[in-house]
Structure formats: C-alpha cells, structure tokens
Amino acid sequence: MAGPTGMRDMVHIHITDSLPIQARALPYADRVEIRFGRAFPVALIVDRAALDRLAGAIQTGRDELDAATSKGPEV
C-alpha cells in the first residue's frame, strides 16, 4: 500500500558495524527482542517460531551478497 508520497509504507533501518545491537529473551511472551541503537532505539520483536526463518533470511542475503562480490563487477 502506498503512502501519501507514493512510496510504499516501510520502515528502513540502516545497520552498520558501529550500531549498538542488543538481544534479550522475553520468555513470558516466547519471543526475542532485538534492539538497535541507544538514543532512538528501534526494537524488532521475533516470535520463537520465526527465529530460524529470520536467521535463514539473513544467511540467504549474506550468501547472495558474497556471491555477487566474488564475481567482481559485471561489464
């Protein structure tokens, strides 16, 4: 669904190697909270059942990035 600017409604978080990341279990909710940043933190809440899928999606993206960079620039 597009917002008033015509762009899709999506939250973007640019994660760098210097961005603080903290994870903690929320056992009462059977979830994990992953916090990004300190001053204006963003939290990603992940159900236990979705943890493997999230880890798999991150691994797939990393594998694709590695494959793309190992091929070198396309001419």
PDB file of N, CA and C in Angstrom:
ATOM      1  N   MET A   1       0.845  -1.182   0.000  1.00  0.00           N
ATOM      2  CA  MET A   1       0.000   0.000   0.000  1.00  0.00           C
ATOM      3  C   MET A   1       0.885   1.238   0.000  1.00  0.00           C
ATOM      4  N   ALA A   2       0.590   2.180  -0.857  1.00  0.00           N
ATOM      5  CA  ALA A   2       1.398   3.387  -0.980  1.00  0.00           C
ATOM      6  C   ALA A   2       0.923   4.455  -0.010  1.00  0.00           C
ATOM      7  N   GLY A   3       1.876   5.202   0.521  1.00  0.00           N
ATOM      8  CA  GLY A   3       1.551   6.302   1.413  1.00  0.00           C
ATOM      9  C   GLY A   3       1.270   7.568   0.616  1.00  0.00           C
ATOM     10  N   PRO A   4       1.132   8.710   1.309  1.00  0.00           N
ATOM     11  CA  PRO A   4       0.802   9.964   0.639  1.00  0.00           C
ATOM     12  C   PRO A   4       1.871  10.431  -0.344  1.00  0.00           C
ATOM     13  N   THR A   5       3.099   9.987  -0.180  1.00  0.00           N
ATOM     14  CA  THR A   5       4.167  10.401  -1.091  1.00  0.00           C
ATOM     15  C   THR A   5       4.279   9.467  -2.288  1.00  0.00           C
ATOM     16  N   GLY A   6       3.450   8.439  -2.333  1.00  0.00           N
ATOM     17  CA  GLY A   6       3.519   7.477  -3.417  1.00  0.00           C
ATOM     18  C   GLY A   6       4.503   6.350  -3.153  1.00  0.00           C
ATOM     19  N   MET A   7       5.261   6.429  -2.048  1.00  0.00           N
ATOM     20  CA  MET A   7       6.214   5.380  -1.705  1.00  0.00           C
ATOM     21  C   MET A   7       5.519   4.334  -0.838  1.00  0.00           C
ATOM     22  N   ARG A   8       6.017   3.128  -0.904  1.00  0.00           N
ATOM     23  CA  ARG A   8       5.473   2.068  -0.073  1.00  0.00           C
ATOM     24  C   ARG A   8       5.735   2.376   1.389  1.00  0.00           C
ATOM     25  N   ASP A   9       4.804   1.990   2.244  1.00  0.00           N
ATOM     26  CA  ASP A   9       4.979   2.175   3.676  1.00  0.00           C
ATOM     27  C   ASP A   9       5.922   1.094   4.193  1.00  0.00           C
ATOM     28  N   MET A  10       7.123   1.509   4.560  1.00  0.00           N
ATOM     29  CA  MET A  10       8.119   0.562   5.033  1.00  0.00           C
ATOM     30  C   MET A  10       9.082   1.298   5.956  1.00  0.00           C
ATOM     31  N   VAL A  11       9.491   0.636   7.004  1.00  0.00           N
ATOM     32  CA  VAL A  11      10.486   1.193   7.904  1.00  0.00           C
ATOM     33  C   VAL A  11      11.846   0.667   7.464  1.00  0.00           C
ATOM     34  N   HIS A  12      12.797   1.569   7.260  1.00  0.00           N
ATOM     35  CA  HIS A  12      14.160   1.184   6.898  1.00  0.00           C
ATOM     36  C   HIS A  12      15.075   1.461   8.078  1.00  0.00           C
ATOM     37  N   ILE A  13      15.911   0.509   8.404  1.00  0.00           N
ATOM     38  CA  ILE A  13      16.917   0.670   9.451  1.00  0.00           C
ATOM     39  C   ILE A  13      18.260   0.318   8.824  1.00  0.00           C
ATOM     40  N   HIS A  14      19.166   1.276   8.776  1.00  0.00           N
ATOM     41  CA  HIS A  14      20.500   1.023   8.235  1.00  0.00           C
ATOM     42  C   HIS A  14      21.370   0.551   9.392  1.00  0.00           C
ATOM     43  N   ILE A  15      21.760  -0.700   9.358  1.00  0.00           N
ATOM     44  CA  ILE A  15      22.564  -1.283  10.422  1.00  0.00           C
ATOM     45  C   ILE A  15      24.016  -1.282   9.979  1.00  0.00           C
ATOM     46  N   THR A  16      24.848  -0.633  10.770  1.00  0.00           N
ATOM     47  CA  THR A  16      26.281  -0.572  10.493  1.00  0.00           C
ATOM     48  C   THR A  16      27.024  -1.347  11.570  1.00  0.00           C
ATOM     49  N   ASP A  17      28.328  -1.540  11.374  1.00  0.00           N
ATOM     50  CA  ASP A  17      29.098  -2.280  12.375  1.00  0.00           C
ATOM     51  C   ASP A  17      29.281  -1.487  13.670  1.00  0.00           C
ATOM     52  N   SER A  18      28.981  -0.194  13.658  1.00  0.00           N
ATOM     53  CA  SER A  18      29.115   0.610  14.875  1.00  0.00           C
ATOM     54  C   SER A  18      27.779   0.810  15.608  1.00  0.00           C
ATOM     55  N   LEU A  19      26.682   0.340  15.025  1.00  0.00           N
ATOM     56  CA  LEU A  19      25.373   0.483  15.662  1.00  0.00           C
ATOM     57  C   LEU A  19      25.245  -0.522  16.806  1.00  0.00           C
ATOM     58  N   PRO A  20      24.949  -0.053  18.016  1.00  0.00           N
ATOM     59  CA  PRO A  20      24.770  -0.997  19.119  1.00  0.00           C
ATOM     60  C   PRO A  20      23.567  -1.913  18.844  1.00  0.00           C
ATOM     61  N   ILE A  21      23.779  -3.207  19.054  1.00  0.00           N
ATOM     62  CA  ILE A  21      22.717  -4.195  18.899  1.00  0.00           C
ATOM     63  C   ILE A  21      22.686  -5.044  20.157  1.00  0.00           C
ATOM     64  N   GLN A  22      21.516  -5.156  20.746  1.00  0.00           N
ATOM     65  CA  GLN A  22      21.348  -5.971  21.946  1.00  0.00           C
ATOM     66  C   GLN A  22      20.146  -6.884  21.750  1.00  0.00           C
ATOM     67  N   ALA A  23      20.292  -8.119  22.161  1.00  0.00           N
ATOM     68  CA  ALA A  23      19.177  -9.064  22.097  1.00  0.00           C
ATOM     69  C   ALA A  23      18.886  -9.564  23.500  1.00  0.00           C
ATOM     70  N   ARG A  24      17.600  -9.771  23.755  1.00  0.00           N
ATOM     71  CA  ARG A  24      17.233 -10.366  25.043  1.00  0.00           C
ATOM     72  C   ARG A  24      15.988 -11.212  24.858  1.00  0.00           C
ATOM     73  N   ALA A  25      15.960 -12.280  25.609  1.00  0.00           N
ATOM     74  CA  ALA A  25      14.812 -13.187  25.562  1.00  0.00           C
ATOM     75  C   ALA A  25      13.655 -12.581  26.342  1.00  0.00           C
ATOM     76  N   LEU A  26      12.471 -12.769  25.824  1.00  0.00           N
ATOM     77  CA  LEU A  26      11.241 -12.408  26.516  1.00  0.00           C
ATOM     78  C   LEU A  26      10.475 -13.717  26.749  1.00  0.00           C
ATOM     79  N   PRO A  27      10.918 -14.511  27.729  1.00  0.00           N
ATOM     80  CA  PRO A  27      10.357 -15.849  27.899  1.00  0.00           C
ATOM     81  C   PRO A  27       8.857 -15.863  28.194  1.00  0.00           C
ATOM     82  N   TYR A  28       8.350 -14.844  28.857  1.00  0.00           N
ATOM     83  CA  TYR A  28       6.920 -14.789  29.169  1.00  0.00           C
ATOM     84  C   TYR A  28       6.074 -14.647  27.897  1.00  0.00           C
ATOM     85  N   ALA A  29       6.687 -14.120  26.814  1.00  0.00           N
ATOM     86  CA  ALA A  29       5.976 -13.937  25.553  1.00  0.00           C
ATOM     87  C   ALA A  29       6.460 -14.915  24.480  1.00  0.00           C
ATOM     88  N   ASP A  30       7.470 -15.738  24.822  1.00  0.00           N
ATOM     89  CA  ASP A  30       8.061 -16.691  23.882  1.00  0.00           C
ATOM     90  C   ASP A  30       8.600 -15.966  22.647  1.00  0.00           C
ATOM     91  N   ARG A  31       9.298 -14.856  22.913  1.00  0.00           N
ATOM     92  CA  ARG A  31       9.839 -14.009  21.850  1.00  0.00           C
ATOM     93  C   ARG A  31      11.245 -13.549  22.208  1.00  0.00           C
ATOM     94  N   VAL A  32      11.912 -12.991  21.204  1.00  0.00           N
ATOM     95  CA  VAL A  32      13.213 -12.356  21.398  1.00  0.00           C
ATOM     96  C   VAL A  32      13.072 -10.907  20.959  1.00  0.00           C
ATOM     97  N   GLU A  33      13.620 -10.004  21.751  1.00  0.00           N
ATOM     98  CA  GLU A  33      13.642  -8.590  21.392  1.00  0.00           C
ATOM     99  C   GLU A  33      15.065  -8.243  20.967  1.00  0.00           C
ATOM    100  N   ILE A  34      15.199  -7.658  19.780  1.00  0.00           N
ATOM    101  CA  ILE A  34      16.499  -7.211  19.287  1.00  0.00           C
ATOM    102  C   ILE A  34      16.434  -5.694  19.180  1.00  0.00           C
ATOM    103  N   ARG A  35      17.260  -5.012  19.955  1.00  0.00           N
ATOM    104  CA  ARG A  35      17.276  -3.543  19.968  1.00  0.00           C
ATOM    105  C   ARG A  35      18.456  -3.027  19.168  1.00  0.00           C
ATOM    106  N   PHE A  36      18.168  -2.029  18.360  1.00  0.00           N
ATOM    107  CA  PHE A  36      19.183  -1.376  17.538  1.00  0.00           C
ATOM    108  C   PHE A  36      19.286   0.074  17.999  1.00  0.00           C
ATOM    109  N   GLY A  37      20.509   0.527  18.325  1.00  0.00           N
ATOM    110  CA  GLY A  37      20.729   1.913  18.718  1.00  0.00           C
ATOM    111  C   GLY A  37      20.511   2.134  20.198  1.00  0.00           C
ATOM    112  N   ARG A  38      20.850   3.359  20.631  1.00  0.00           N
ATOM    113  CA  ARG A  38      20.689   3.722  22.043  1.00  0.00           C
ATOM    114  C   ARG A  38      19.811   4.968  22.205  1.00  0.00           C
ATOM    115  N   ALA A  39      20.180   6.057  21.548  1.00  0.00           N
ATOM    116  CA  ALA A  39      19.463   7.314  21.736  1.00  0.00           C
ATOM    117  C   ALA A  39      18.021   7.228  21.235  1.00  0.00           C
ATOM    118  N   PHE A  40      17.822   6.640  20.068  1.00  0.00           N
ATOM    119  CA  PHE A  40      16.492   6.470  19.489  1.00  0.00           C
ATOM    120  C   PHE A  40      16.361   5.010  19.067  1.00  0.00           C
ATOM    121  N   PRO A  41      16.243   4.117  20.047  1.00  0.00           N
ATOM    122  CA  PRO A  41      16.277   2.694  19.716  1.00  0.00           C
ATOM    123  C   PRO A  41      15.055   2.231  18.923  1.00  0.00           C
ATOM    124  N   VAL A  42      15.311   1.233  18.127  1.00  0.00           N
ATOM    125  CA  VAL A  42      14.265   0.538  17.383  1.00  0.00           C
ATOM    126  C   VAL A  42      14.320  -0.907  17.856  1.00  0.00           C
ATOM    127  N   ALA A  43      13.181  -1.501  18.096  1.00  0.00           N
ATOM    128  CA  ALA A  43      13.156  -2.888  18.556  1.00  0.00           C
ATOM    129  C   ALA A  43      12.462  -3.769  17.533  1.00  0.00           C
ATOM    130  N   LEU A  44      13.072  -4.912  17.281  1.00  0.00           N
ATOM    131  CA  LEU A  44      12.481  -5.946  16.448  1.00  0.00           C
ATOM    132  C   LEU A  44      12.066  -7.063  17.394  1.00  0.00           C
ATOM    133  N   ILE A  45      10.790  -7.406  17.398  1.00  0.00           N
ATOM    134  CA  ILE A  45      10.277  -8.456  18.263  1.00  0.00           C
ATOM    135  C   ILE A  45      10.004  -9.678  17.390  1.00  0.00           C
ATOM    136  N   VAL A  46      10.631 -10.807  17.725  1.00  0.00           N
ATOM    137  CA  VAL A  46      10.542 -12.000  16.889  1.00  0.00           C
ATOM    138  C   VAL A  46       9.998 -13.161  17.718  1.00  0.00           C
ATOM    139  N   ASP A  47       8.916 -13.770  17.254  1.00  0.00           N
ATOM    140  CA  ASP A  47       8.380 -14.972  17.901  1.00  0.00           C
ATOM    141  C   ASP A  47       9.397 -16.102  17.789  1.00  0.00           C
ATOM    142  N   ARG A  48       9.401 -16.965  18.786  1.00  0.00           N
ATOM    143  CA  ARG A  48      10.323 -18.105  18.769  1.00  0.00           C
ATOM    144  C   ARG A  48      10.185 -18.904  17.467  1.00  0.00           C
ATOM    145  N   ALA A  49       8.958 -19.113  17.032  1.00  0.00           N
ATOM    146  CA  ALA A  49       8.710 -19.912  15.828  1.00  0.00           C
ATOM    147  C   ALA A  49       9.294 -19.274  14.567  1.00  0.00           C
ATOM    148  N   ALA A  50       9.567 -17.983  14.592  1.00  0.00           N
ATOM    149  CA  ALA A  50      10.085 -17.285  13.416  1.00  0.00           C
ATOM    150  C   ALA A  50      11.599 -17.069  13.463  1.00  0.00           C
ATOM    151  N   LEU A  51      12.258 -17.436  14.549  1.00  0.00           N
ATOM    152  CA  LEU A  51      13.697 -17.176  14.683  1.00  0.00           C
ATOM    153  C   LEU A  51      14.522 -17.867  13.604  1.00  0.00           C
ATOM    154  N   ASP A  52      14.238 -19.127  13.336  1.00  0.00           N
ATOM    155  CA  ASP A  52      15.002 -19.843  12.307  1.00  0.00           C
ATOM    156  C   ASP A  52      14.764 -19.238  10.928  1.00  0.00           C
ATOM    157  N   ARG A  53      13.539 -18.819  10.667  1.00  0.00           N
ATOM    158  CA  ARG A  53      13.235 -18.207   9.371  1.00  0.00           C
ATOM    159  C   ARG A  53      13.964 -16.880   9.208  1.00  0.00           C
ATOM    160  N   LEU A  54      14.015 -16.071  10.280  1.00  0.00           N
ATOM    161  CA  LEU A  54      14.749 -14.804  10.233  1.00  0.00           C
ATOM    162  C   LEU A  54      16.234 -15.061  10.013  1.00  0.00           C
ATOM    163  N   ALA A  55      16.799 -16.004  10.769  1.00  0.00           N
ATOM    164  CA  ALA A  55      18.223 -16.333  10.609  1.00  0.00           C
ATOM    165  C   ALA A  55      18.493 -16.846   9.199  1.00  0.00           C
ATOM    166  N   GLY A  56      17.588 -17.645   8.656  1.00  0.00           N
ATOM    167  CA  GLY A  56      17.749 -18.156   7.297  1.00  0.00           C
ATOM    168  C   GLY A  56      17.700 -17.057   6.258  1.00  0.00           C
ATOM    169  N   ALA A  57      16.807 -16.084   6.445  1.00  0.00           N
ATOM    170  CA  ALA A  57      16.707 -14.964   5.502  1.00  0.00           C
ATOM    171  C   ALA A  57      17.980 -14.127   5.530  1.00  0.00           C
ATOM    172  N   ILE A  58      18.521 -13.912   6.711  1.00  0.00           N
ATOM    173  CA  ILE A  58      19.773 -13.154   6.827  1.00  0.00           C
ATOM    174  C   ILE A  58      20.905 -13.928   6.157  1.00  0.00           C
ATOM    175  N   GLN A  59      20.963 -15.247   6.375  1.00  0.00           N
ATOM    176  CA  GLN A  59      22.014 -16.063   5.761  1.00  0.00           C
ATOM    177  C   GLN A  59      21.879 -16.072   4.245  1.00  0.00           C
ATOM    178  N   THR A  60      20.664 -16.172   3.732  1.00  0.00           N
ATOM    179  CA  THR A  60      20.438 -16.141   2.286  1.00  0.00           C
ATOM    180  C   THR A  60      20.929 -14.828   1.695  1.00  0.00           C
ATOM    181  N   GLY A  61      20.585 -13.713   2.339  1.00  0.00           N
ATOM    182  CA  GLY A  61      21.054 -12.412   1.870  1.00  0.00           C
ATOM    183  C   GLY A  61      22.564 -12.308   1.894  1.00  0.00           C
ATOM    184  N   ARG A  62      23.170 -12.830   2.940  1.00  0.00           N
ATOM    185  CA  ARG A  62      24.639 -12.794   3.036  1.00  0.00           C
ATOM    186  C   ARG A  62      25.280 -13.641   1.946  1.00  0.00           C
ATOM    187  N   ASP A  63      24.717 -14.829   1.697  1.00  0.00           N
ATOM    188  CA  ASP A  63      25.242 -15.700   0.644  1.00  0.00           C
ATOM    189  C   ASP A  63      25.141 -15.022  -0.723  1.00  0.00           C
ATOM    190  N   GLU A  64      24.005 -14.367  -0.987  1.00  0.00           N
ATOM    191  CA  GLU A  64      23.827 -13.670  -2.267  1.00  0.00           C
ATOM    192  C   GLU A  64      24.808 -12.510  -2.403  1.00  0.00           C
ATOM    193  N   LEU A  65      25.018 -11.786  -1.306  1.00  0.00           N
ATOM    194  CA  LEU A  65      25.977 -10.680  -1.330  1.00  0.00           C
ATOM    195  C   LEU A  65      27.391 -11.193  -1.569  1.00  0.00           C
ATOM    196  N   ASP A  66      27.757 -12.282  -0.883  1.00  0.00           N
ATOM    197  CA  ASP A  66      29.086 -12.876  -1.082  1.00  0.00           C
ATOM    198  C   ASP A  66      29.268 -13.343  -2.515  1.00  0.00           C
ATOM    199  N   ALA A  67      28.245 -13.983  -3.078  1.00  0.00           N
ATOM    200  CA  ALA A  67      28.332 -14.464  -4.457  1.00  0.00           C
ATOM    201  C   ALA A  67      28.471 -13.302  -5.430  1.00  0.00           C
ATOM    202  N   ALA A  68      27.728 -12.239  -5.200  1.00  0.00           N
ATOM    203  CA  ALA A  68      27.784 -11.078  -6.090  1.00  0.00           C
ATOM    204  C   ALA A  68      29.129 -10.382  -6.025  1.00  0.00           C
ATOM    205  N   THR A  69      29.713 -10.290  -4.848  1.00  0.00           N
ATOM    206  CA  THR A  69      31.003  -9.593  -4.719  1.00  0.00           C
ATOM    207  C   THR A  69      32.167 -10.472  -5.141  1.00  0.00           C
ATOM    208  N   SER A  70      32.003 -11.798  -5.105  1.00  0.00           N
ATOM    209  CA  SER A  70      33.105 -12.669  -5.534  1.00  0.00           C
ATOM    210  C   SER A  70      33.204 -12.763  -7.043  1.00  0.00           C
ATOM    211  N   LYS A  71      32.099 -12.457  -7.738  1.00  0.00           N
ATOM    212  CA  LYS A  71      32.109 -12.467  -9.197  1.00  0.00           C
ATOM    213  C   LYS A  71      32.845 -11.265  -9.770  1.00  0.00           C
ATOM    214  N   GLY A  72      32.911 -10.214  -8.996  1.00  0.00           N
ATOM    215  CA  GLY A  72      33.524  -8.986  -9.489  1.00  0.00           C
ATOM    216  C   GLY A  72      32.503  -8.172 -10.256  1.00  0.00           C
ATOM    217  N   PRO A  73      32.885  -6.977 -10.696  1.00  0.00           N
ATOM    218  CA  PRO A  73      31.941  -6.119 -11.406  1.00  0.00           C
ATOM    219  C   PRO A  73      31.567  -6.691 -12.774  1.00  0.00           C
ATOM    220  N   GLU A  74      30.286  -6.564 -13.122  1.00  0.00           N
ATOM    221  CA  GLU A  74      29.831  -7.022 -14.427  1.00  0.00           C
ATOM    222  C   GLU A  74      30.097  -5.928 -15.453  1.00  0.00           C
ATOM    223  N   VAL A  75      30.471  -6.335 -16.638  1.00  0.00           N
ATOM    224  CA  VAL A  75      30.782  -5.370 -17.698  1.00  0.00           C
ATOM    225  C   VAL A  75      29.661  -5.319 -18.689  1.00  0.00           C
TER     226      VAL A  75
END
